[in-house]
Amino acid sequence: MLSYQKERFVDLLPELPEIFFRHWQEVALHKDQIRLRPNYDEYRRLEELGILHIITARERDKLAGYIFHMVHPHLHYVGSLTAFTDLLYLRKEYTRGMTAASRYRDLIRASEKMLRDLGVQRVYLMTKTHLDLTALFENMGFKLIEKNFSKLL
């Protein structure tokens, strides 16, 4: 059984290198050209500024996943506190079979509660096209509003 809770980046730091690597291995494209090098100092700084907010999924003490949000007023709508999702991940062993959607749903719902408590008006989520969570997001009331494109230069 997973539990979902708000945690601080600085407290998670000892656990992050291993799970970040697993996350990168499972979802990243162009791994041969773009190496994983998280900017831990910038994450710390963003947390100190009150911008970075994290909900984790844990099974007992084991970090099973996370959702990282950057929360700040939208640059186009200064009166709208907005959450931009930086990372959404659950370890593979927690996303097999019938429980995958419900576990992602529970993690996202826990983050939505935290964001509401912070006064966030809107949240943006992204999904990889090769690991598509669109159906889950739409089932949870999210609307597809943009498409992002990437090109390796």
Protein backbone atom coordinates (compact mmCIF):
# COMPACT_ATOMS: atom_id res chain seq x y z
CA MET A 1 0.00 0.00 0.00
CA LEU A 2 1.38 3.36 -1.02
CA SER A 3 1.16 6.50 1.08
CA TYR A 4 1.28 9.99 -0.42
CA GLN A 5 2.74 12.97 1.39
CA LYS A 6 4.37 16.35 0.91
CA GLU A 7 8.13 16.17 1.39
CA ARG A 8 11.00 18.61 1.16
CA PHE A 9 13.64 18.30 -1.55
CA VAL A 10 16.47 18.67 0.95
CA ASP A 11 15.12 15.70 2.92
CA LEU A 12 14.72 13.60 -0.23
CA LEU A 13 18.20 14.34 -1.56
CA PRO A 14 19.88 11.14 -0.31
CA GLU A 15 17.28 9.03 -2.18
CA LEU A 16 17.10 11.03 -5.39
CA PRO A 17 20.20 10.01 -7.37
CA GLU A 18 19.08 6.38 -7.64
CA ILE A 19 15.42 7.08 -8.47
CA PHE A 20 16.28 9.95 -10.84
CA PHE A 21 18.56 7.55 -12.71
CA ARG A 22 15.82 4.92 -12.93
CA HIS A 23 13.34 7.56 -14.11
CA TRP A 24 15.77 8.78 -16.77
CA GLN A 25 16.51 5.21 -17.90
CA GLU A 26 12.81 4.43 -18.32
CA VAL A 27 11.54 7.58 -20.03
CA ALA A 28 14.32 9.69 -21.55
CA LEU A 29 15.07 9.82 -25.24
CA HIS A 30 18.55 10.54 -26.70
CA LYS A 31 20.29 9.07 -23.65
CA ASP A 32 23.44 8.56 -25.71
CA GLN A 33 23.66 12.31 -26.39
CA ILE A 34 22.08 13.97 -23.35
CA ARG A 35 23.32 12.60 -20.04
CA LEU A 36 21.42 12.88 -16.80
CA ARG A 37 22.89 15.66 -14.66
CA PRO A 38 20.24 17.00 -12.24
CA ASN A 39 20.88 20.51 -10.99
CA TYR A 40 20.44 19.77 -7.30
CA ASP A 41 21.55 23.28 -6.31
CA GLU A 42 18.81 24.84 -8.44
CA TYR A 43 16.18 22.51 -6.99
CA ARG A 44 17.35 23.54 -3.50
CA ARG A 45 17.17 27.21 -4.47
CA LEU A 46 13.66 26.84 -5.92
CA GLU A 47 12.51 25.13 -2.74
CA GLU A 48 14.00 27.92 -0.62
CA LEU A 49 12.07 30.44 -2.74
CA GLY A 50 8.82 28.53 -2.12
CA ILE A 51 8.50 27.53 -5.79
CA LEU A 52 9.28 23.80 -5.66
CA HIS A 53 6.63 21.57 -4.05
CA ILE A 54 6.84 17.78 -3.98
CA ILE A 55 4.43 14.96 -3.23
CA THR A 56 6.01 11.53 -2.83
CA ALA A 57 4.62 8.03 -3.02
CA ARG A 58 6.11 5.62 -0.50
CA GLU A 59 5.71 1.99 0.41
CA ARG A 60 6.74 2.02 4.03
CA ASP A 61 10.07 3.89 3.87
CA LYS A 62 10.84 3.12 0.20
CA LEU A 63 10.48 6.01 -2.24
CA ALA A 64 8.19 4.65 -4.96
CA GLY A 65 7.62 7.84 -6.91
CA TYR A 66 7.04 11.57 -6.92
CA ILE A 67 5.48 14.56 -8.55
CA PHE A 68 7.47 17.82 -8.60
CA HIS A 69 5.59 21.07 -9.19
CA MET A 70 6.97 24.55 -9.79
CA VAL A 71 4.41 26.95 -8.32
CA HIS A 72 4.43 30.64 -9.16
CA PRO A 73 2.22 33.28 -10.74
CA HIS A 74 1.77 32.65 -14.44
CA LEU A 75 3.87 35.01 -16.55
CA HIS A 76 0.86 35.86 -18.72
CA TYR A 77 -1.66 36.06 -15.87
CA VAL A 78 0.07 37.52 -12.82
CA GLY A 79 -3.03 37.03 -10.68
CA SER A 80 -3.14 33.29 -11.38
CA LEU A 81 -0.99 31.11 -9.17
CA THR A 82 -0.07 28.21 -11.43
CA ALA A 83 1.68 24.85 -10.99
CA PHE A 84 3.91 23.60 -13.77
CA THR A 85 4.75 19.92 -13.34
CA ASP A 86 8.46 19.21 -13.68
CA LEU A 87 8.51 15.50 -12.87
CA LEU A 88 5.92 12.73 -12.53
CA TYR A 89 7.19 9.22 -11.91
CA LEU A 90 6.34 5.91 -10.31
CA ARG A 91 8.80 3.03 -10.31
CA LYS A 92 7.95 0.31 -12.82
CA GLU A 93 7.15 -2.23 -10.14
CA TYR A 94 4.27 0.04 -9.01
CA THR A 95 2.82 0.57 -12.49
CA ARG A 96 2.19 -2.97 -13.61
CA GLY A 97 -1.27 -4.35 -14.22
CA MET A 98 -4.55 -2.96 -13.00
CA THR A 99 -3.09 -0.79 -10.23
CA ALA A 100 -1.02 1.51 -12.47
CA ALA A 101 -3.76 4.02 -13.28
CA SER A 102 -5.09 4.09 -9.72
CA ARG A 103 -1.62 4.70 -8.28
CA TYR A 104 -0.91 7.55 -10.70
CA ARG A 105 -4.41 8.91 -9.96
CA ASP A 106 -3.79 8.80 -6.21
CA LEU A 107 -0.42 10.54 -6.57
CA ILE A 108 -1.91 13.27 -8.77
CA ARG A 109 -4.90 13.72 -6.45
CA ALA A 110 -2.59 14.10 -3.45
CA SER A 111 -0.68 16.76 -5.37
CA GLU A 112 -3.93 18.51 -6.35
CA LYS A 113 -4.89 18.75 -2.67
CA MET A 114 -1.50 20.25 -1.81
CA LEU A 115 -1.80 22.70 -4.71
CA ARG A 116 -5.32 23.77 -3.68
CA ASP A 117 -4.04 24.36 -0.14
CA LEU A 118 -1.34 26.61 -1.63
CA GLY A 119 -3.98 28.60 -3.53
CA VAL A 120 -3.03 27.32 -6.98
CA GLN A 121 -5.65 28.09 -9.61
CA ARG A 122 -4.39 25.90 -12.47
CA VAL A 123 -2.00 22.97 -12.90
CA TYR A 124 -0.22 21.88 -16.06
CA LEU A 125 0.74 18.22 -16.56
CA MET A 126 2.75 16.70 -19.38
CA THR A 127 3.01 13.14 -20.62
CA LYS A 128 5.48 11.41 -22.89
CA THR A 129 3.97 10.21 -26.15
CA HIS A 130 5.85 6.92 -25.78
CA LEU A 131 4.48 6.45 -22.23
CA ASP A 132 1.16 8.18 -22.74
CA LEU A 133 -1.02 9.05 -19.74
CA THR A 134 -3.51 11.15 -21.75
CA ALA A 135 -6.49 8.87 -21.05
CA LEU A 136 -5.80 8.99 -17.31
CA PHE A 137 -5.39 12.77 -17.31
CA GLU A 138 -8.61 13.27 -19.29
CA ASN A 139 -10.45 10.88 -16.96
CA MET A 140 -9.29 13.09 -14.08
CA GLY A 141 -10.71 16.23 -15.72
CA PHE A 142 -7.60 17.56 -17.45
CA LYS A 143 -8.02 19.00 -20.94
CA LEU A 144 -5.53 18.64 -23.77
CA ILE A 145 -4.62 22.25 -24.55
CA GLU A 146 -1.21 22.17 -26.24
CA LYS A 147 1.22 19.89 -27.98
CA ASN A 148 4.93 20.20 -27.29
CA PHE A 149 7.55 19.36 -29.87
CA SER A 150 11.24 18.68 -29.41
CA LYS A 151 14.12 18.54 -31.85
CA LEU A 152 17.60 17.36 -31.05
CA LEU A 153 20.08 19.85 -32.45
